[in-house]
Structures are given as structure tokens and as C-alpha cells.
Amino acid sequence: MTRRLLVATTNLGKQAEFRRLLGGLAAAVVTPDEIGLELEVEEPHHTYAENAAAKAAAFCRASGLLTVADDSGIEVAALGWGPGVRSARWGTGAGSQAEKLVAAVGDHQDRRARMVCALALAVPGNPAPTVELFTGLVEGRVSTEPRGHRGFGYDPIFLLPSGQTTAELPEADKDRISHRGRAVASAVPRIAELLGSD
């Protein structure tokens, strides 16, 4: 019987990315909607790791499945290394978050930025799941305007040392160097080990 691995997100961009990143595992990667699971998990914490762990544990407990969840964000020098853990909720409303971030940075000379991901792996257990954490980070800069049509979120304005934004990269290239790609790559050996155990 094929083991199932739950990706605890309803974000379609993240779901597609996780399917690619986890595609080499001997498991069926499933999403909450595919198993009929509706669950809202608050993310009130001040660190990516705490938010990711809370989400992974809640979905693992509700589903009984090995579960991965992440919390990620962009940190910008000109914004005091924000919005950070508030990235998903920052600048919501009309217009894209990427465009609003470029506007917030304005003509600031220090355009350094980094994309950060904390990945939580929750293992079913009694009385509660156990959670293991992995991280990924990539350094870059904020571009002066959005570029590229791939990716999602802040990808169009996150400029890599190569001169391309992550939204301009082919998927395979982005997966190899992105913050989420690096976090998942560090977790894959452990996930494979757990999938292979009874």
C-alpha cells in the first residue's frame, strides 16, 4: 500500500511546488482538500519555526498522516528586515504584495533581502505528534519592478545574484536554489526514512 504524505497548505502555488519537490519520494503526496480535511490553524507566533510546527502538528493530529508544513517569508533590509513572519499577510488588499513591497522600499539604496523558510515535519504519535524542523534561506535583493511570470508571492521582485528574479527561473532551477527548495532538500532523507519504516 502506498504511503501518503500530507502537505498542509491550501495555497495552490505552494501545493504545486511541494509536489515537485517531494515527487521523488515513495509516497502519494496529498493536500487537505484531497482527503476532505478542512482545518484553520492560527499562526500567531513570532518565528517561522513555531508557526510551521503548529500547522504541521495540527494537520498531522487531524489526519493521522505524516505531514509537512512550512512558514516562509521575505526579509528586507530597508524595512528593518521585515515583513518576515508577517509576509503572507503584509500588504494585503488591492494590488499585488510584490508591487506593494517594491513601493515600500522606494528608492532606498540598500535593497538587500532574503527569503526564509522553516519546514516542519510532523510524525503521528501518541499522545501527540512529534515535530522535526528544517530550514532554507536564499540571499538576494529587491528589484525595482516585478519581473517574470513564474512562481507566486514575492517571486517577481526577489532578485538573485544571477540578475534574474525567482519568477524568471525555470521551475527546476528555482526548486534547486529557493528557500523552500533548500528546506525540503534537507528534510527529504528524513522523510524517506520515515516512509520506509513500519
N, C-alpha and C. Protein backbone atom coordinates (compact mmCIF):
# COMPACT_ATOMS: atom_id res chain seq x y z
N MET A 1 0.85 -1.20 0.00
CA MET A 1 0.00 0.00 0.00
C MET A 1 0.89 1.25 0.00
N THR A 2 0.56 2.19 -0.88
CA THR A 2 1.35 3.42 -0.98
C THR A 2 1.13 4.29 0.25
N ARG A 3 2.21 4.72 0.85
CA ARG A 3 2.12 5.62 1.98
C ARG A 3 1.69 7.00 1.49
N ARG A 4 1.00 7.75 2.34
CA ARG A 4 0.57 9.09 1.99
C ARG A 4 1.33 10.13 2.82
N LEU A 5 1.67 11.22 2.17
CA LEU A 5 2.35 12.33 2.82
C LEU A 5 1.49 13.56 2.62
N LEU A 6 1.05 14.15 3.72
CA LEU A 6 0.17 15.31 3.64
C LEU A 6 0.97 16.60 3.60
N VAL A 7 0.65 17.45 2.64
CA VAL A 7 1.23 18.78 2.55
C VAL A 7 0.18 19.74 3.09
N ALA A 8 0.44 20.31 4.26
CA ALA A 8 -0.57 21.10 4.97
C ALA A 8 -0.59 22.55 4.50
N THR A 9 -1.14 22.75 3.32
CA THR A 9 -1.35 24.09 2.80
C THR A 9 -2.50 24.08 1.82
N THR A 10 -3.22 25.19 1.76
CA THR A 10 -4.28 25.35 0.75
C THR A 10 -3.83 26.32 -0.34
N ASN A 11 -2.60 26.83 -0.22
CA ASN A 11 -2.04 27.73 -1.22
C ASN A 11 -1.67 26.92 -2.47
N LEU A 12 -2.32 27.23 -3.59
CA LEU A 12 -2.13 26.43 -4.80
C LEU A 12 -0.70 26.50 -5.32
N GLY A 13 -0.06 27.67 -5.19
CA GLY A 13 1.33 27.79 -5.62
C GLY A 13 2.24 26.90 -4.80
N LYS A 14 2.04 26.91 -3.48
CA LYS A 14 2.84 26.05 -2.61
C LYS A 14 2.56 24.58 -2.88
N GLN A 15 1.31 24.23 -3.11
CA GLN A 15 0.97 22.83 -3.38
C GLN A 15 1.73 22.32 -4.60
N ALA A 16 1.73 23.11 -5.67
CA ALA A 16 2.42 22.71 -6.89
C ALA A 16 3.92 22.57 -6.64
N GLU A 17 4.48 23.51 -5.89
CA GLU A 17 5.91 23.48 -5.60
C GLU A 17 6.27 22.27 -4.75
N PHE A 18 5.47 21.99 -3.72
CA PHE A 18 5.73 20.84 -2.87
C PHE A 18 5.62 19.53 -3.67
N ARG A 19 4.66 19.45 -4.56
CA ARG A 19 4.53 18.21 -5.37
C ARG A 19 5.80 17.96 -6.18
N ARG A 20 6.37 19.03 -6.74
CA ARG A 20 7.61 18.86 -7.49
C ARG A 20 8.75 18.47 -6.56
N LEU A 21 8.87 19.19 -5.45
CA LEU A 21 9.99 18.97 -4.54
C LEU A 21 9.96 17.60 -3.87
N LEU A 22 8.77 17.06 -3.65
CA LEU A 22 8.62 15.78 -2.95
C LEU A 22 8.32 14.63 -3.91
N GLY A 23 8.36 14.91 -5.20
CA GLY A 23 7.95 13.93 -6.20
C GLY A 23 8.80 12.67 -6.26
N GLY A 24 10.04 12.75 -5.78
CA GLY A 24 10.92 11.59 -5.84
C GLY A 24 10.72 10.59 -4.70
N LEU A 25 9.87 10.93 -3.75
CA LEU A 25 9.65 10.03 -2.61
C LEU A 25 8.67 8.91 -2.94
N ALA A 26 8.81 7.81 -2.24
CA ALA A 26 7.90 6.67 -2.42
C ALA A 26 6.64 6.91 -1.60
N ALA A 27 5.88 7.92 -2.02
CA ALA A 27 4.67 8.29 -1.30
C ALA A 27 3.73 9.02 -2.23
N ALA A 28 2.45 8.97 -1.90
CA ALA A 28 1.46 9.78 -2.59
C ALA A 28 1.34 11.09 -1.84
N VAL A 29 1.73 12.18 -2.48
CA VAL A 29 1.64 13.50 -1.86
C VAL A 29 0.20 13.98 -1.99
N VAL A 30 -0.44 14.24 -0.85
CA VAL A 30 -1.84 14.66 -0.86
C VAL A 30 -1.98 16.01 -0.17
N THR A 31 -3.07 16.71 -0.49
CA THR A 31 -3.36 18.01 0.09
C THR A 31 -4.63 17.89 0.95
N PRO A 32 -4.86 18.87 1.82
CA PRO A 32 -6.03 18.78 2.71
C PRO A 32 -7.35 18.57 1.97
N ASP A 33 -7.56 19.29 0.87
CA ASP A 33 -8.82 19.14 0.14
C ASP A 33 -8.98 17.76 -0.47
N GLU A 34 -7.87 17.14 -0.83
CA GLU A 34 -7.94 15.80 -1.44
C GLU A 34 -8.34 14.73 -0.44
N ILE A 35 -8.14 14.98 0.84
CA ILE A 35 -8.54 13.98 1.85
C ILE A 35 -9.75 14.48 2.66
N GLY A 36 -10.38 15.55 2.17
CA GLY A 36 -11.58 16.07 2.81
C GLY A 36 -11.34 16.70 4.16
N LEU A 37 -10.18 17.30 4.33
CA LEU A 37 -9.83 17.90 5.62
C LEU A 37 -9.90 19.42 5.53
N GLU A 38 -10.76 20.00 6.34
CA GLU A 38 -10.86 21.45 6.44
C GLU A 38 -10.42 21.86 7.84
N LEU A 39 -9.36 22.61 7.91
CA LEU A 39 -8.79 22.96 9.21
C LEU A 39 -8.13 24.33 9.12
N GLU A 40 -8.51 25.21 10.01
CA GLU A 40 -7.89 26.53 10.11
C GLU A 40 -6.95 26.52 11.31
N VAL A 41 -5.71 26.86 11.09
CA VAL A 41 -4.72 26.89 12.16
C VAL A 41 -4.18 28.31 12.29
N GLU A 42 -4.30 28.86 13.46
CA GLU A 42 -3.77 30.19 13.71
C GLU A 42 -2.25 30.17 13.61
N GLU A 43 -1.68 31.27 13.10
CA GLU A 43 -0.22 31.41 13.03
C GLU A 43 0.18 32.70 13.74
N PRO A 44 0.03 32.71 15.08
CA PRO A 44 0.26 33.95 15.84
C PRO A 44 1.69 34.14 16.32
N HIS A 45 2.54 33.16 16.03
CA HIS A 45 3.86 33.15 16.65
C HIS A 45 4.82 34.15 16.00
N HIS A 46 5.92 34.37 16.67
CA HIS A 46 6.89 35.36 16.20
C HIS A 46 8.04 34.75 15.41
N THR A 47 8.02 33.44 15.21
CA THR A 47 9.05 32.79 14.40
C THR A 47 8.42 31.89 13.36
N TYR A 48 9.12 31.73 12.24
CA TYR A 48 8.65 30.82 11.20
C TYR A 48 8.52 29.40 11.76
N ALA A 49 9.50 28.99 12.55
CA ALA A 49 9.53 27.62 13.07
C ALA A 49 8.30 27.31 13.92
N GLU A 50 7.93 28.23 14.80
CA GLU A 50 6.77 28.00 15.66
C GLU A 50 5.48 27.89 14.84
N ASN A 51 5.33 28.77 13.86
CA ASN A 51 4.13 28.72 13.02
C ASN A 51 4.06 27.44 12.21
N ALA A 52 5.19 27.06 11.61
CA ALA A 52 5.22 25.83 10.81
C ALA A 52 4.94 24.61 11.67
N ALA A 53 5.52 24.56 12.87
CA ALA A 53 5.33 23.43 13.76
C ALA A 53 3.87 23.31 14.20
N ALA A 54 3.25 24.45 14.53
CA ALA A 54 1.85 24.43 14.95
C ALA A 54 0.95 23.90 13.84
N LYS A 55 1.22 24.32 12.62
CA LYS A 55 0.41 23.91 11.48
C LYS A 55 0.60 22.42 11.18
N ALA A 56 1.85 21.98 11.14
CA ALA A 56 2.13 20.58 10.85
C ALA A 56 1.52 19.66 11.90
N ALA A 57 1.67 20.01 13.17
CA ALA A 57 1.14 19.17 14.25
C ALA A 57 -0.37 19.08 14.20
N ALA A 58 -1.03 20.21 13.93
CA ALA A 58 -2.50 20.21 13.89
C ALA A 58 -3.02 19.35 12.75
N PHE A 59 -2.43 19.46 11.58
CA PHE A 59 -2.88 18.68 10.44
C PHE A 59 -2.53 17.20 10.61
N CYS A 60 -1.39 16.93 11.21
CA CYS A 60 -0.99 15.55 11.47
C CYS A 60 -1.96 14.90 12.45
N ARG A 61 -2.31 15.60 13.50
CA ARG A 61 -3.22 15.08 14.51
C ARG A 61 -4.60 14.81 13.89
N ALA A 62 -5.05 15.72 13.03
CA ALA A 62 -6.38 15.59 12.43
C ALA A 62 -6.44 14.50 11.37
N SER A 63 -5.32 14.26 10.68
CA SER A 63 -5.33 13.30 9.57
C SER A 63 -4.74 11.95 9.90
N GLY A 64 -3.86 11.91 10.90
CA GLY A 64 -3.14 10.67 11.20
C GLY A 64 -2.04 10.37 10.20
N LEU A 65 -1.70 11.36 9.36
CA LEU A 65 -0.69 11.15 8.32
C LEU A 65 0.60 11.90 8.64
N LEU A 66 1.70 11.36 8.14
CA LEU A 66 2.96 12.09 8.14
C LEU A 66 2.71 13.40 7.39
N THR A 67 3.09 14.52 7.99
CA THR A 67 2.67 15.83 7.47
C THR A 67 3.84 16.80 7.40
N VAL A 68 3.87 17.56 6.30
CA VAL A 68 4.83 18.67 6.21
C VAL A 68 4.06 19.98 6.08
N ALA A 69 4.59 21.01 6.72
CA ALA A 69 4.03 22.35 6.61
C ALA A 69 5.18 23.33 6.68
N ASP A 70 4.99 24.48 6.07
CA ASP A 70 6.07 25.47 6.14
C ASP A 70 5.51 26.83 6.52
N ASP A 71 6.40 27.66 7.02
CA ASP A 71 6.11 29.08 7.14
C ASP A 71 7.32 29.77 6.54
N SER A 72 7.06 30.74 5.71
CA SER A 72 8.16 31.37 5.00
C SER A 72 7.86 32.84 4.79
N GLY A 73 8.89 33.58 4.42
CA GLY A 73 8.69 35.00 4.20
C GLY A 73 9.90 35.67 3.60
N ILE A 74 9.72 36.94 3.32
CA ILE A 74 10.81 37.75 2.79
C ILE A 74 11.21 38.75 3.87
N GLU A 75 12.53 38.96 4.00
CA GLU A 75 13.07 39.91 4.96
C GLU A 75 13.90 40.93 4.19
N VAL A 76 13.58 42.19 4.39
CA VAL A 76 14.16 43.26 3.58
C VAL A 76 14.89 44.27 4.47
N ALA A 77 16.14 44.52 4.16
CA ALA A 77 16.96 45.41 4.98
C ALA A 77 16.33 46.79 5.13
N ALA A 78 15.82 47.33 4.04
CA ALA A 78 15.25 48.68 4.07
C ALA A 78 13.98 48.77 4.89
N LEU A 79 13.39 47.63 5.21
CA LEU A 79 12.17 47.59 6.03
C LEU A 79 12.46 47.02 7.41
N GLY A 80 13.69 47.22 7.87
CA GLY A 80 14.06 46.70 9.19
C GLY A 80 14.02 45.19 9.24
N TRP A 81 14.34 44.55 8.13
CA TRP A 81 14.30 43.10 7.96
C TRP A 81 12.88 42.54 8.14
N GLY A 82 11.90 43.36 7.80
CA GLY A 82 10.52 42.90 7.72
C GLY A 82 10.16 42.70 6.26
N PRO A 83 8.96 42.23 5.94
CA PRO A 83 7.89 41.87 6.87
C PRO A 83 8.07 40.53 7.58
N GLY A 84 9.04 39.71 7.17
CA GLY A 84 9.34 38.48 7.90
C GLY A 84 8.15 37.55 8.07
N VAL A 85 7.88 37.14 9.31
CA VAL A 85 6.81 36.16 9.55
C VAL A 85 5.44 36.71 9.19
N ARG A 86 5.34 38.00 8.96
CA ARG A 86 4.06 38.60 8.56
C ARG A 86 3.94 38.71 7.04
N SER A 87 4.85 38.13 6.30
CA SER A 87 4.88 38.30 4.84
C SER A 87 3.58 37.91 4.16
N ALA A 88 2.96 36.81 4.59
CA ALA A 88 1.75 36.34 3.92
C ALA A 88 0.59 37.30 4.11
N ARG A 89 0.61 38.05 5.20
CA ARG A 89 -0.50 38.96 5.49
C ARG A 89 -0.14 40.43 5.25
N TRP A 90 1.11 40.68 4.89
CA TRP A 90 1.58 42.05 4.70
C TRP A 90 1.07 42.61 3.38
N GLY A 91 0.58 43.82 3.41
CA GLY A 91 0.19 44.50 2.18
C GLY A 91 -0.96 43.85 1.44
N THR A 92 -1.84 43.16 2.18
CA THR A 92 -2.98 42.53 1.50
C THR A 92 -3.99 43.60 1.09
N GLY A 93 -4.90 43.19 0.22
CA GLY A 93 -5.87 44.13 -0.32
C GLY A 93 -5.65 44.27 -1.82
N ALA A 94 -6.08 45.39 -2.37
CA ALA A 94 -5.95 45.59 -3.82
C ALA A 94 -4.49 45.67 -4.23
N GLY A 95 -4.19 45.11 -5.40
CA GLY A 95 -2.82 45.12 -5.91
C GLY A 95 -2.00 43.98 -5.33
N SER A 96 -0.90 43.67 -5.99
CA SER A 96 -0.09 42.54 -5.55
C SER A 96 0.83 42.93 -4.39
N GLN A 97 1.10 41.96 -3.54
CA GLN A 97 2.02 42.19 -2.43
C GLN A 97 3.41 42.55 -2.94
N ALA A 98 3.81 41.90 -4.04
CA ALA A 98 5.13 42.17 -4.61
C ALA A 98 5.26 43.63 -5.01
N GLU A 99 4.26 44.16 -5.68
CA GLU A 99 4.30 45.56 -6.11
C GLU A 99 4.31 46.50 -4.90
N LYS A 100 3.54 46.14 -3.87
CA LYS A 100 3.49 46.98 -2.67
C LYS A 100 4.83 46.99 -1.95
N LEU A 101 5.53 45.86 -1.97
CA LEU A 101 6.82 45.81 -1.31
C LEU A 101 7.83 46.68 -2.06
N VAL A 102 7.81 46.62 -3.38
CA VAL A 102 8.70 47.48 -4.18
C VAL A 102 8.42 48.95 -3.86
N ALA A 103 7.14 49.30 -3.77
CA ALA A 103 6.77 50.68 -3.46
C ALA A 103 7.24 51.07 -2.06
N ALA A 104 7.16 50.15 -1.11
CA ALA A 104 7.58 50.44 0.26
C ALA A 104 9.09 50.67 0.34
N VAL A 105 9.85 49.92 -0.44
CA VAL A 105 11.31 50.11 -0.46
C VAL A 105 11.67 51.41 -1.18
N GLY A 106 10.86 51.76 -2.18
CA GLY A 106 11.07 53.02 -2.90
C GLY A 106 12.44 53.10 -3.54
N ASP A 107 13.13 54.22 -3.37
CA ASP A 107 14.45 54.40 -3.99
C ASP A 107 15.57 54.16 -2.99
N HIS A 108 15.28 53.42 -1.94
CA HIS A 108 16.29 53.10 -0.92
C HIS A 108 17.49 52.42 -1.56
N GLN A 109 18.67 52.83 -1.18
CA GLN A 109 19.88 52.28 -1.78
C GLN A 109 20.18 50.86 -1.30
N ASP A 110 19.87 50.58 -0.05
CA ASP A 110 20.13 49.24 0.49
C ASP A 110 18.94 48.34 0.18
N ARG A 111 19.08 47.53 -0.87
CA ARG A 111 17.97 46.70 -1.33
C ARG A 111 18.18 45.22 -0.97
N ARG A 112 19.08 44.96 -0.02
CA ARG A 112 19.34 43.57 0.38
C ARG A 112 18.07 42.91 0.91
N ALA A 113 17.92 41.65 0.58
CA ALA A 113 16.75 40.89 1.03
C ALA A 113 17.13 39.42 1.13
N ARG A 114 16.31 38.69 1.84
CA ARG A 114 16.49 37.24 1.90
C ARG A 114 15.12 36.58 2.02
N MET A 115 15.04 35.39 1.44
CA MET A 115 13.83 34.58 1.56
C MET A 115 14.15 33.45 2.53
N VAL A 116 13.26 33.25 3.51
CA VAL A 116 13.49 32.29 4.58
C VAL A 116 12.33 31.31 4.65
N CYS A 117 12.65 30.04 4.87
CA CYS A 117 11.62 29.01 5.01
C CYS A 117 11.95 28.11 6.19
N ALA A 118 10.96 27.90 7.04
CA ALA A 118 11.04 26.87 8.07
C ALA A 118 10.06 25.78 7.69
N LEU A 119 10.55 24.56 7.58
CA LEU A 119 9.73 23.41 7.21
C LEU A 119 9.59 22.50 8.43
N ALA A 120 8.34 22.19 8.77
CA ALA A 120 8.07 21.31 9.90
C ALA A 120 7.58 19.96 9.39
N LEU A 121 8.13 18.91 9.94
CA LEU A 121 7.73 17.54 9.61
C LEU A 121 7.11 16.94 10.87
N ALA A 122 5.82 16.63 10.81
CA ALA A 122 5.10 16.10 11.96
C ALA A 122 4.87 14.60 11.77
N VAL A 123 5.26 13.84 12.78
CA VAL A 123 5.17 12.38 12.74
C VAL A 123 4.06 11.94 13.69
N PRO A 124 3.08 11.18 13.20
CA PRO A 124 1.99 10.74 14.06
C PRO A 124 2.52 10.02 15.29
N GLY A 125 1.90 10.29 16.44
CA GLY A 125 2.33 9.65 17.68
C GLY A 125 1.27 9.79 18.75
N ASN A 126 1.45 9.07 19.83
CA ASN A 126 0.52 9.09 20.94
C ASN A 126 1.28 9.49 22.21
N PRO A 127 0.88 10.55 22.88
CA PRO A 127 -0.41 11.25 22.77
C PRO A 127 -0.42 12.37 21.75
N ALA A 128 0.71 12.74 21.20
CA ALA A 128 0.76 13.86 20.25
C ALA A 128 1.84 13.61 19.21
N PRO A 129 1.71 14.25 18.04
CA PRO A 129 2.75 14.12 17.02
C PRO A 129 4.07 14.69 17.53
N THR A 130 5.16 14.16 16.98
CA THR A 130 6.46 14.77 17.21
C THR A 130 6.81 15.59 15.97
N VAL A 131 7.50 16.69 16.18
CA VAL A 131 7.79 17.61 15.08
C VAL A 131 9.29 17.82 14.94
N GLU A 132 9.77 17.72 13.71
CA GLU A 132 11.17 17.99 13.39
C GLU A 132 11.22 19.18 12.44
N LEU A 133 12.24 19.99 12.56
CA LEU A 133 12.32 21.24 11.81
C LEU A 133 13.55 21.29 10.89
N PHE A 134 13.34 21.91 9.74
CA PHE A 134 14.39 22.09 8.73
C PHE A 134 14.27 23.52 8.19
N THR A 135 15.37 24.09 7.75
CA THR A 135 15.33 25.47 7.28
C THR A 135 16.03 25.64 5.94
N GLY A 136 15.64 26.68 5.25
CA GLY A 136 16.27 27.05 4.00
C GLY A 136 16.29 28.56 3.87
N LEU A 137 17.34 29.09 3.25
CA LEU A 137 17.49 30.54 3.12
C LEU A 137 18.20 30.84 1.81
N VAL A 138 17.78 31.91 1.16
CA VAL A 138 18.49 32.37 -0.04
C VAL A 138 18.59 33.90 0.02
N GLU A 139 19.78 34.39 -0.29
CA GLU A 139 20.05 35.84 -0.24
C GLU A 139 19.81 36.46 -1.61
N GLY A 140 19.35 37.71 -1.60
CA GLY A 140 19.13 38.41 -2.85
C GLY A 140 18.91 39.88 -2.62
N ARG A 141 18.15 40.50 -3.51
CA ARG A 141 17.84 41.92 -3.42
C ARG A 141 16.41 42.14 -3.90
N VAL A 142 15.87 43.30 -3.56
CA VAL A 142 14.55 43.68 -4.05
C VAL A 142 14.74 44.39 -5.39
N SER A 143 14.08 43.90 -6.42
CA SER A 143 14.19 44.54 -7.73
C SER A 143 13.41 45.86 -7.74
N THR A 144 13.63 46.66 -8.76
CA THR A 144 12.93 47.95 -8.84
C THR A 144 11.54 47.82 -9.44
N GLU A 145 11.25 46.66 -10.02
CA GLU A 145 9.92 46.39 -10.57
C GLU A 145 9.74 44.88 -10.71
N PRO A 146 8.50 44.41 -10.68
CA PRO A 146 8.25 42.97 -10.84
C PRO A 146 8.71 42.49 -12.22
N ARG A 147 9.29 41.28 -12.23
CA ARG A 147 9.73 40.69 -13.49
C ARG A 147 9.48 39.19 -13.45
N GLY A 148 8.98 38.65 -14.55
CA GLY A 148 8.77 37.21 -14.67
C GLY A 148 7.34 36.81 -14.34
N HIS A 149 6.94 35.68 -14.88
CA HIS A 149 5.56 35.23 -14.73
C HIS A 149 5.45 33.85 -14.09
N ARG A 150 6.57 33.31 -13.64
CA ARG A 150 6.52 32.02 -12.94
C ARG A 150 6.47 32.29 -11.44
N GLY A 151 6.25 31.24 -10.69
CA GLY A 151 6.27 31.38 -9.25
C GLY A 151 5.03 32.08 -8.73
N PHE A 152 5.12 32.59 -7.50
CA PHE A 152 3.99 33.24 -6.86
C PHE A 152 4.51 34.11 -5.72
N GLY A 153 3.62 34.84 -5.08
CA GLY A 153 4.02 35.66 -3.93
C GLY A 153 5.03 36.73 -4.32
N TYR A 154 6.17 36.72 -3.63
CA TYR A 154 7.19 37.74 -3.84
C TYR A 154 8.22 37.35 -4.91
N ASP A 155 8.03 36.23 -5.57
CA ASP A 155 8.99 35.79 -6.59
C ASP A 155 9.31 36.85 -7.65
N PRO A 156 8.31 37.62 -8.14
CA PRO A 156 8.62 38.57 -9.21
C PRO A 156 9.54 39.73 -8.81
N ILE A 157 9.74 39.95 -7.51
CA ILE A 157 10.58 41.08 -7.11
C ILE A 157 11.81 40.64 -6.31
N PHE A 158 12.00 39.32 -6.19
CA PHE A 158 13.18 38.84 -5.46
C PHE A 158 14.29 38.55 -6.46
N LEU A 159 15.29 39.43 -6.43
CA LEU A 159 16.36 39.40 -7.43
C LEU A 159 17.55 38.59 -6.90
N LEU A 160 17.93 37.58 -7.66
CA LEU A 160 19.04 36.71 -7.29
C LEU A 160 20.37 37.30 -7.76
N PRO A 161 21.50 36.82 -7.22
CA PRO A 161 22.80 37.30 -7.68
C PRO A 161 23.01 37.13 -9.18
N SER A 162 22.31 36.17 -9.79
CA SER A 162 22.43 35.93 -11.24
C SER A 162 21.83 37.06 -12.06
N GLY A 163 21.04 37.94 -11.42
CA GLY A 163 20.38 39.01 -12.16
C GLY A 163 18.96 38.70 -12.54
N GLN A 164 18.49 37.49 -12.25
CA GLN A 164 17.11 37.10 -12.53
C GLN A 164 16.30 37.12 -11.24
N THR A 165 15.00 37.38 -11.38
CA THR A 165 14.12 37.17 -10.25
C THR A 165 13.75 35.70 -10.20
N THR A 166 13.27 35.23 -9.06
CA THR A 166 12.88 33.82 -8.98
C THR A 166 11.68 33.53 -9.87
N ALA A 167 10.91 34.56 -10.23
CA ALA A 167 9.79 34.37 -11.15
C ALA A 167 10.23 34.21 -12.60
N GLU A 168 11.50 34.51 -12.88
CA GLU A 168 12.02 34.35 -14.24
C GLU A 168 12.70 33.00 -14.45
N LEU A 169 12.90 32.25 -13.38
CA LEU A 169 13.62 30.98 -13.48
C LEU A 169 12.72 29.85 -13.93
N PRO A 170 13.24 28.90 -14.71
CA PRO A 170 12.51 27.66 -14.94
C PRO A 170 12.27 26.96 -13.60
N GLU A 171 11.18 26.21 -13.51
CA GLU A 171 10.81 25.60 -12.23
C GLU A 171 11.94 24.78 -11.62
N ALA A 172 12.62 24.00 -12.44
CA ALA A 172 13.67 23.13 -11.91
C ALA A 172 14.81 23.94 -11.29
N ASP A 173 15.14 25.06 -11.91
CA ASP A 173 16.20 25.92 -11.38
C ASP A 173 15.77 26.59 -10.08
N LYS A 174 14.53 27.06 -10.06
CA LYS A 174 14.02 27.68 -8.84
C LYS A 174 14.00 26.67 -7.70
N ASP A 175 13.51 25.47 -7.97
CA ASP A 175 13.41 24.44 -6.92
C ASP A 175 14.77 24.12 -6.32
N ARG A 176 15.81 24.21 -7.12
CA ARG A 176 17.14 23.86 -6.65
C ARG A 176 17.72 24.90 -5.70
N ILE A 177 17.39 26.18 -5.92
CA ILE A 177 18.05 27.23 -5.14
C ILE A 177 17.12 28.00 -4.21
N SER A 178 15.83 27.79 -4.30
CA SER A 178 14.90 28.59 -3.49
C SER A 178 14.97 28.22 -2.02
N HIS A 179 14.46 29.12 -1.18
CA HIS A 179 14.42 28.87 0.26
C HIS A 179 13.61 27.61 0.58
N ARG A 180 12.47 27.45 -0.08
CA ARG A 180 11.65 26.26 0.18
C ARG A 180 12.32 25.01 -0.38
N GLY A 181 12.94 25.15 -1.56
CA GLY A 181 13.65 24.02 -2.15
C GLY A 181 14.78 23.53 -1.26
N ARG A 182 15.51 24.46 -0.67
CA ARG A 182 16.62 24.08 0.21
C ARG A 182 16.12 23.43 1.49
N ALA A 183 15.02 23.96 2.05
CA ALA A 183 14.46 23.36 3.27
C ALA A 183 13.96 21.95 3.00
N VAL A 184 13.26 21.77 1.90
CA VAL A 184 12.75 20.44 1.57
C VAL A 184 13.89 19.48 1.29
N ALA A 185 14.92 19.93 0.58
CA ALA A 185 16.06 19.05 0.28
C ALA A 185 16.71 18.54 1.55
N SER A 186 16.79 19.39 2.58
CA SER A 186 17.40 18.95 3.83
C SER A 186 16.50 17.97 4.58
N ALA A 187 15.18 18.04 4.31
CA ALA A 187 14.23 17.16 5.01
C ALA A 187 14.01 15.84 4.31
N VAL A 188 14.24 15.79 3.01
CA VAL A 188 13.89 14.60 2.22
C VAL A 188 14.50 13.30 2.75
N PRO A 189 15.79 13.26 3.13
CA PRO A 189 16.32 12.00 3.65
C PRO A 189 15.56 11.49 4.89
N ARG A 190 15.19 12.40 5.76
CA ARG A 190 14.45 12.01 6.96
C ARG A 190 13.04 11.56 6.60
N ILE A 191 12.38 12.25 5.68
CA ILE A 191 11.04 11.84 5.24
C ILE A 191 11.09 10.46 4.62
N ALA A 192 12.10 10.22 3.77
CA ALA A 192 12.25 8.91 3.12
C ALA A 192 12.47 7.82 4.18
N GLU A 193 13.24 8.14 5.19
CA GLU A 193 13.47 7.16 6.27
C GLU A 193 12.16 6.82 6.99
N LEU A 194 11.37 7.83 7.28
CA LEU A 194 10.10 7.60 7.97
C LEU A 194 9.10 6.85 7.10
N LEU A 195 9.07 7.16 5.82
CA LEU A 195 8.17 6.45 4.91
C LEU A 195 8.53 4.98 4.77
N GLY A 196 9.82 4.71 4.92
CA GLY A 196 10.27 3.33 4.78
C GLY A 196 10.12 2.50 6.04
N SER A 197 9.79 3.17 7.17
CA SER A 197 9.65 2.43 8.43
C SER A 197 8.21 1.98 8.62
N ASP A 198 8.03 0.99 9.45
CA ASP A 198 6.69 0.46 9.70
C ASP A 198 5.94 1.36 10.68
